[in-house]
Amino acid sequence: AGLAGLLVGTMAVSLLSNALVLLCLLHSADIRRQAPALFTLNLTCSNLLCTVVNMPLTLAGVVAQRQPAGDRLCRLAAFLDTFLATNSMLSMAALSIDRWVAVVFPLSYRAKMRLRDAALMVAYTWLHALTFPATALALSWLGFHPLYASCTLCSWRPDERLRFAVFTGAFHTLSFLLSFVVLCCTYLKVLKVARFHCKRIDVITMQTLVLLVDIHPRLVELSSTVPIGPHWGVLSKCLAYGKAASDPFVYSLLRHQYRNGCKEMLNRVLNRHPLHSPGLSGDSHSQNILPVSE
């Protein structure tokens, strides 16, 4: 019951916060004109898909204690789970690269990070993220895993244990670990230029460390004879889902432009007409630098 309640709460926060970010992106042309908007849009769409597809199936698996859907739907959900997790992590890495360029190379930021460059980076994240679930689908390594009560990567054939272990290790190294290293390297370089970014970077680093908890039971499961309880497996999955709920706050809603966008949308809903309209236009480069107060 506790894990089910945690999942329901995570789903609610994730759905509302990511939908709000999407509304801000649709509402503000000034935000959309900036290169980071593509990374934020990619991250937000990944989180929303995970919220409406994977989280409900995991909740059903936790409640029913069995596979929550047919084999085809479960394989599709497992494909999405693998793709969206990788795409989300790579989007975080892309955002960290963008902010590194904005802070370390402020005068040449617009030339180095154009919308076309951002679109190419998003295209790469999709290609990279599709590689692993496509391989797993071809090898029939997608299905329901009772340890996580989720449709995800799994293999039950003893003769494939070594190959699956190698694949899982490569998947986590080239998605989660690679993104984590990129985040650490870029933000360490940012800290050398601007110490006041430390608070926001600490939040992002801790968020990434929490996501890495999802890797631990998988690797222990493959490399050790010590059994892992379903409670720990589902809890690690809940923590991974928690990233989808916290991303909107870390990367969007706590920033000046998005706060102003939310205020402007609220004023429109309430038919208010403030004397001073919130400024969303601002300098594109300055909005990419992390504010001191955030």
Protein backbone atom coordinates (compact mmCIF):
# COMPACT_ATOMS: atom_id res chain seq x y z
CA ALA A 1 0.00 0.00 0.00
CA GLY A 2 2.87 2.35 0.82
CA LEU A 3 4.59 1.83 -2.53
CA ALA A 4 1.28 2.16 -4.38
CA GLY A 5 0.60 5.46 -2.62
CA LEU A 6 4.10 6.67 -3.46
CA LEU A 7 3.52 5.83 -7.11
CA VAL A 8 0.16 7.63 -7.18
CA GLY A 9 1.70 10.74 -5.63
CA THR A 10 4.62 10.66 -8.05
CA MET A 11 2.25 10.29 -11.01
CA ALA A 12 0.14 13.26 -9.89
CA VAL A 13 3.10 15.59 -9.34
CA SER A 14 4.80 14.49 -12.55
CA LEU A 15 1.68 14.94 -14.67
CA LEU A 16 0.84 18.39 -13.31
CA SER A 17 4.38 19.79 -13.30
CA ASN A 18 5.34 18.52 -16.75
CA ALA A 19 2.02 19.68 -18.21
CA LEU A 20 2.69 23.13 -16.74
CA VAL A 21 6.12 23.24 -18.39
CA LEU A 22 4.56 22.23 -21.70
CA LEU A 23 1.97 25.01 -21.36
CA CYS A 24 4.74 27.53 -20.68
CA LEU A 25 6.57 26.40 -23.80
CA LEU A 26 3.41 26.71 -25.89
CA HIS A 27 2.51 30.06 -24.35
CA SER A 28 5.86 31.89 -24.61
CA ALA A 29 7.38 32.50 -28.03
CA ASP A 30 10.45 33.99 -26.34
CA ILE A 31 11.20 30.74 -24.54
CA ARG A 32 10.65 28.72 -27.71
CA ARG A 33 13.15 30.85 -29.64
CA GLN A 34 16.00 29.74 -27.39
CA ALA A 35 17.99 26.59 -28.07
CA PRO A 36 17.50 25.09 -24.56
CA ALA A 37 13.75 25.02 -25.20
CA LEU A 38 14.26 22.04 -27.52
CA PHE A 39 16.10 20.13 -24.79
CA THR A 40 13.44 21.06 -22.25
CA LEU A 41 10.67 20.02 -24.65
CA ASN A 42 12.39 16.70 -25.29
CA LEU A 43 12.81 16.08 -21.56
CA THR A 44 9.23 17.11 -20.77
CA CYS A 45 7.69 14.91 -23.45
CA SER A 46 9.74 11.94 -22.23
CA ASN A 47 8.56 12.53 -18.67
CA LEU A 48 4.92 12.88 -19.74
CA LEU A 49 5.02 9.66 -21.78
CA CYS A 50 6.58 7.83 -18.85
CA THR A 51 3.88 9.24 -16.57
CA VAL A 52 0.90 8.22 -18.70
CA VAL A 53 2.21 4.85 -19.94
CA ASN A 54 4.83 3.29 -17.67
CA MET A 55 3.82 4.54 -14.23
CA PRO A 56 0.19 3.32 -14.43
CA LEU A 57 1.36 -0.12 -15.61
CA THR A 58 3.85 -0.32 -12.75
CA LEU A 59 1.10 0.71 -10.32
CA ALA A 60 -1.14 -2.03 -11.72
CA GLY A 61 1.73 -4.51 -11.38
CA VAL A 62 2.31 -3.52 -7.75
CA VAL A 63 -1.39 -3.83 -6.89
CA ALA A 64 -2.07 -7.06 -8.82
CA GLN A 65 1.34 -8.66 -8.12
CA ARG A 66 1.44 -9.94 -11.69
CA GLN A 67 1.89 -8.77 -15.28
CA PRO A 68 -0.58 -5.90 -15.71
CA ALA A 69 -1.16 -6.22 -19.46
CA GLY A 70 -0.84 -8.55 -22.43
CA ASP A 71 2.54 -9.54 -23.83
CA ARG A 72 2.45 -7.10 -26.75
CA LEU A 73 1.46 -4.11 -24.63
CA CYS A 74 4.04 -5.08 -22.02
CA ARG A 75 6.79 -5.28 -24.65
CA LEU A 76 5.75 -1.86 -25.97
CA ALA A 77 5.84 -0.44 -22.44
CA ALA A 78 9.26 -2.03 -21.85
CA PHE A 79 10.52 -0.53 -25.12
CA LEU A 80 9.26 2.90 -24.04
CA ASP A 81 10.67 2.48 -20.53
CA THR A 82 14.16 1.83 -21.90
CA PHE A 83 13.95 4.52 -24.57
CA LEU A 84 12.49 7.23 -22.33
CA ALA A 85 14.95 6.61 -19.50
CA THR A 86 17.90 6.98 -21.88
CA ASN A 87 16.39 9.96 -23.70
CA SER A 88 15.70 11.70 -20.40
CA MET A 89 19.26 11.25 -19.16
CA LEU A 90 20.77 12.41 -22.46
CA SER A 91 18.48 15.46 -22.41
CA MET A 92 19.87 16.35 -18.99
CA ALA A 93 23.38 16.02 -20.41
CA ALA A 94 22.44 18.27 -23.34
CA LEU A 95 21.07 20.91 -20.96
CA SER A 96 24.27 20.80 -18.93
CA ILE A 97 26.35 21.29 -22.10
CA ASP A 98 24.15 24.25 -23.07
CA ARG A 99 24.63 25.91 -19.68
CA TRP A 100 28.36 25.25 -19.76
CA VAL A 101 28.61 27.02 -23.14
CA ALA A 102 26.41 29.88 -21.85
CA VAL A 103 28.54 30.49 -18.76
CA VAL A 104 32.05 29.72 -20.03
CA PHE A 105 31.64 31.25 -23.52
CA PRO A 106 29.08 34.05 -22.98
CA LEU A 107 30.15 36.23 -25.91
CA SER A 108 29.99 33.44 -28.47
CA TYR A 109 27.03 31.55 -27.00
CA ARG A 110 24.57 32.45 -29.75
CA ALA A 111 27.00 31.35 -32.44
CA LYS A 112 27.86 28.10 -30.66
CA MET A 113 24.34 27.07 -29.61
CA ARG A 114 21.83 27.80 -32.38
CA LEU A 115 18.44 26.18 -32.80
CA ARG A 116 19.88 24.06 -35.61
CA ASP A 117 22.65 22.81 -33.32
CA ALA A 118 20.12 22.02 -30.60
CA ALA A 119 17.94 20.13 -33.11
CA LEU A 120 20.94 18.03 -34.17
CA MET A 121 21.69 17.22 -30.52
CA VAL A 122 18.08 16.17 -29.93
CA ALA A 123 18.18 14.01 -33.06
CA TYR A 124 21.31 12.31 -31.71
CA THR A 125 19.71 11.67 -28.32
CA TRP A 126 16.78 9.97 -30.07
CA LEU A 127 19.07 7.82 -32.21
CA HIS A 128 21.23 6.91 -29.21
CA ALA A 129 18.20 6.20 -27.03
CA LEU A 130 16.53 4.00 -29.68
CA THR A 131 19.57 1.77 -30.13
CA PHE A 132 19.24 -0.19 -26.88
CA PRO A 133 15.48 -0.90 -26.81
CA ALA A 134 15.62 -1.84 -30.51
CA THR A 135 18.41 -4.33 -29.76
CA ALA A 136 16.53 -5.70 -26.76
CA LEU A 137 13.37 -6.07 -28.86
CA ALA A 138 15.25 -7.99 -31.54
CA LEU A 139 16.72 -10.33 -28.90
CA SER A 140 13.39 -10.74 -27.03
CA TRP A 141 14.74 -9.12 -23.88
CA LEU A 142 11.67 -7.02 -23.14
CA GLY A 143 8.89 -8.13 -20.81
CA PHE A 144 7.49 -8.08 -17.29
CA HIS A 145 10.02 -8.20 -14.44
CA PRO A 146 8.40 -9.15 -11.10
CA LEU A 147 11.30 -7.66 -9.12
CA TYR A 148 10.31 -4.18 -10.33
CA ALA A 149 6.63 -4.99 -10.99
CA SER A 150 7.29 -3.30 -14.32
CA CYS A 151 7.53 -4.00 -18.02
CA THR A 152 11.22 -3.45 -18.66
CA LEU A 153 14.44 -5.19 -19.72
CA CYS A 154 14.48 -8.85 -18.67
CA SER A 155 15.78 -12.25 -19.74
CA TRP A 156 14.87 -15.59 -18.16
CA ARG A 157 16.92 -17.98 -20.31
CA PRO A 158 19.99 -19.29 -18.43
CA ASP A 159 22.02 -19.64 -21.63
CA GLU A 160 21.57 -15.90 -22.31
CA ARG A 161 22.57 -14.73 -18.84
CA LEU A 162 26.10 -13.65 -19.82
CA ARG A 163 25.00 -11.89 -23.01
CA PHE A 164 22.20 -10.12 -21.17
CA ALA A 165 24.60 -9.05 -18.41
CA VAL A 166 26.99 -7.58 -20.99
CA PHE A 167 24.11 -5.81 -22.73
CA THR A 168 22.75 -4.40 -19.45
CA GLY A 169 26.21 -3.20 -18.43
CA ALA A 170 26.74 -1.51 -21.80
CA PHE A 171 23.28 0.05 -21.65
CA HIS A 172 23.82 1.60 -18.24
CA THR A 173 27.37 2.69 -19.06
CA LEU A 174 26.47 4.40 -22.34
CA SER A 175 23.30 6.03 -21.05
CA PHE A 176 23.17 6.67 -17.29
CA LEU A 177 26.89 6.71 -16.51
CA LEU A 178 27.82 8.65 -19.66
CA SER A 179 25.23 11.32 -18.88
CA PHE A 180 26.35 11.49 -15.26
CA VAL A 181 29.98 12.02 -16.30
CA VAL A 182 28.96 14.76 -18.75
CA LEU A 183 26.93 16.50 -16.02
CA CYS A 184 29.81 16.34 -13.56
CA CYS A 185 32.42 17.59 -16.05
CA THR A 186 30.33 20.48 -17.39
CA TYR A 187 29.16 21.72 -14.01
CA LEU A 188 32.64 21.50 -12.52
CA LYS A 189 33.81 23.76 -15.34
CA VAL A 190 30.88 26.09 -14.67
CA LEU A 191 31.82 26.26 -10.98
CA LYS A 192 35.28 27.50 -11.90
CA VAL A 193 33.65 30.49 -13.58
CA ALA A 194 30.65 31.13 -11.34
CA ARG A 195 30.65 29.86 -7.77
CA PHE A 196 27.12 31.12 -7.11
CA HIS A 197 25.70 28.33 -9.28
CA CYS A 198 26.69 25.83 -6.61
CA LYS A 199 23.24 25.50 -5.01
CA ARG A 200 21.43 24.65 -8.27
CA ILE A 201 24.19 22.28 -9.37
CA ASP A 202 24.04 20.44 -6.05
CA VAL A 203 20.32 19.84 -6.64
CA ILE A 204 20.93 18.48 -10.15
CA THR A 205 23.82 16.27 -9.02
CA MET A 206 21.79 14.79 -6.16
CA GLN A 207 18.88 14.19 -8.53
CA THR A 208 21.20 12.27 -10.86
CA LEU A 209 22.61 10.24 -7.97
CA VAL A 210 19.07 9.25 -6.98
CA LEU A 211 18.44 8.07 -10.53
CA LEU A 212 21.57 5.93 -10.37
CA VAL A 213 19.86 3.96 -7.59
CA ASP A 214 17.82 2.36 -10.37
CA ILE A 215 21.02 0.82 -11.74
CA HIS A 216 22.12 -0.81 -8.50
CA PRO A 217 19.57 -3.64 -8.14
CA ARG A 218 19.92 -4.54 -11.83
CA LEU A 219 23.69 -4.93 -11.63
CA VAL A 220 23.55 -6.74 -8.27
CA GLU A 221 20.88 -9.03 -9.67
CA LEU A 222 23.17 -9.99 -12.58
CA SER A 223 26.49 -10.19 -10.74
CA SER A 224 25.57 -11.63 -7.35
CA THR A 225 23.88 -14.69 -5.91
CA VAL A 226 22.34 -12.60 -3.12
CA PRO A 227 18.59 -12.25 -3.84
CA ILE A 228 17.02 -8.80 -4.00
CA GLY A 229 13.57 -8.35 -2.48
CA PRO A 230 10.73 -7.03 -4.64
CA HIS A 231 10.24 -4.18 -2.16
CA TRP A 232 13.72 -2.80 -2.93
CA GLY A 233 13.23 -3.33 -6.65
CA VAL A 234 9.91 -1.46 -6.73
CA LEU A 235 11.29 1.27 -4.46
CA SER A 236 14.23 1.83 -6.81
CA LYS A 237 11.75 2.09 -9.68
CA CYS A 238 9.73 4.65 -7.72
CA LEU A 239 12.87 6.71 -7.17
CA ALA A 240 13.62 6.56 -10.88
CA TYR A 241 10.07 7.72 -11.62
CA GLY A 242 10.58 10.49 -9.08
CA LYS A 243 13.03 12.09 -11.49
CA ALA A 244 10.16 12.70 -13.93
CA ALA A 245 8.35 14.61 -11.17
CA SER A 246 11.37 16.68 -10.10
CA ASP A 247 12.77 17.55 -13.56
CA PRO A 248 10.21 20.32 -14.24
CA PHE A 249 11.21 22.14 -11.05
CA VAL A 250 14.96 21.69 -11.42
CA TYR A 251 15.17 22.63 -15.09
CA SER A 252 12.16 24.86 -15.76
CA LEU A 253 9.59 26.03 -13.22
CA LEU A 254 12.09 27.56 -10.79
CA ARG A 255 13.64 29.70 -13.53
CA HIS A 256 12.69 33.32 -14.07
CA GLN A 257 11.17 32.93 -17.54
CA TYR A 258 8.94 30.01 -16.60
CA ARG A 259 7.78 31.67 -13.40
CA ASN A 260 6.79 34.74 -15.37
CA GLY A 261 5.09 32.54 -17.96
CA CYS A 262 3.04 30.85 -15.24
CA LYS A 263 2.05 34.24 -13.78
CA GLU A 264 0.99 35.51 -17.19
CA MET A 265 -1.12 32.41 -17.89
CA LEU A 266 -2.73 32.70 -14.45
CA ASN A 267 -3.54 36.35 -15.09
CA ARG A 268 -5.20 35.41 -18.38
CA VAL A 269 -7.26 32.71 -16.71
CA LEU A 270 -8.37 35.15 -14.00
CA ASN A 271 -8.84 37.95 -16.58
CA ARG A 272 -6.37 40.16 -14.79
CA HIS A 273 -4.53 42.95 -16.60
CA PRO A 274 -1.44 43.95 -14.57
CA LEU A 275 0.01 47.41 -15.10
CA HIS A 276 3.42 45.93 -15.77
CA SER A 277 3.32 42.86 -17.97
CA PRO A 278 5.89 40.24 -16.97
CA GLY A 279 8.92 40.50 -19.20
CA LEU A 280 9.57 37.29 -21.02
CA SER A 281 11.65 38.68 -23.82
CA GLY A 282 14.92 39.34 -21.93
CA ASP A 283 18.26 38.58 -23.39
CA SER A 284 18.47 35.01 -24.64
CA HIS A 285 21.96 34.48 -23.39
CA SER A 286 21.34 35.87 -19.89
CA GLN A 287 18.34 33.57 -19.42
CA ASN A 288 20.51 30.55 -20.06
CA ILE A 289 22.82 31.43 -17.18
CA LEU A 290 21.57 30.02 -13.89
CA PRO A 291 20.24 32.86 -11.71
CA VAL A 292 21.77 33.43 -8.30
CA SER A 293 18.41 33.23 -6.52
CA GLU A 294 17.51 29.92 -8.12
